[in-house]
Amino acid sequence: MSQVADEGIMTIQVHGPVGLTSTGRVLITLFEKEVEHFEVVNVDMMNLEHKTPEYLKSQPFGQIPFIVDGDLTLYETRAIARYIEHKFGDQGTPLYGQTPEDHALTEQWLEVESHHYMGPVHDVVYNVCFAHLWGKKCDDVVVAAGMAKLEAVLDVYEDRLSATEYLAGSFFGLADMSHIPFTYFMIHLAHKGHIFFCRPHVNAWVAKIHSRSSTLKWLNMAGLAK
């Protein structure tokens, strides 16, 4: 499934809609690492292409996205982001920082994002923005519960970011990057930005990560720029 660019360089294929948050996480990583040779292969989610037998050969859980890089097929976006960082470690932004401590703290905050931040944010964004696309109603109870959980999580973030510029320290890293797509959707699509804006250090951090050139490239590519 992989293709070779004109220059003879193997092209990474990213299988997923450009505007999806999970695809965005992969594309932002590619932009941060200054990877020039990649191709986005659209997946028609509305017609359930991601549930077809052919798609399930590459992503057996029917989720989006996955990448193909030569003989490697890889899914789960944080694993993909880690792979891109390691493969292109000598170029672009060093997304693990410079020291073993930087690396460990990056992994810690990736775990925080995955286990504490992602759940409530997903519940809010899905119900407010996307449930209707699947013929479902917004569940206000789930949204309220998600917002309440997120309040507590962001209190921890506010405390952390009062002491450091970014989550793992003084550098922008994978942990910060992983927050970008869903946080953008929370603010600009779900219109729940007040939960970030009322916390000055969180607000400043969000402004910085959303103004990065990698974020803007993804937003423009997806037609989501505000």
Foldseek 3Di string as FASTA:
>chain_A
DWDADPVRHTAKEFEEALLDLLVLLLQLLCVQLVPDGYYYHYAPVLVLSLVDPVNCVLVVVSDDDWMDTPPDIGDDSLVSSVVSCVVSVVGGFNQQPDDPLSNVQLVVLLVCCVPQVVVLLCLLLCLQFPQVSVVHHRDVVSNVVSLVSVLVSVVVVLVCLVPALDRSHPGHHSSLSSPQSSLCCVCPPSVPCVSQVVRVSSVNSNVVNCPDPSNVVSCVVNVNDD
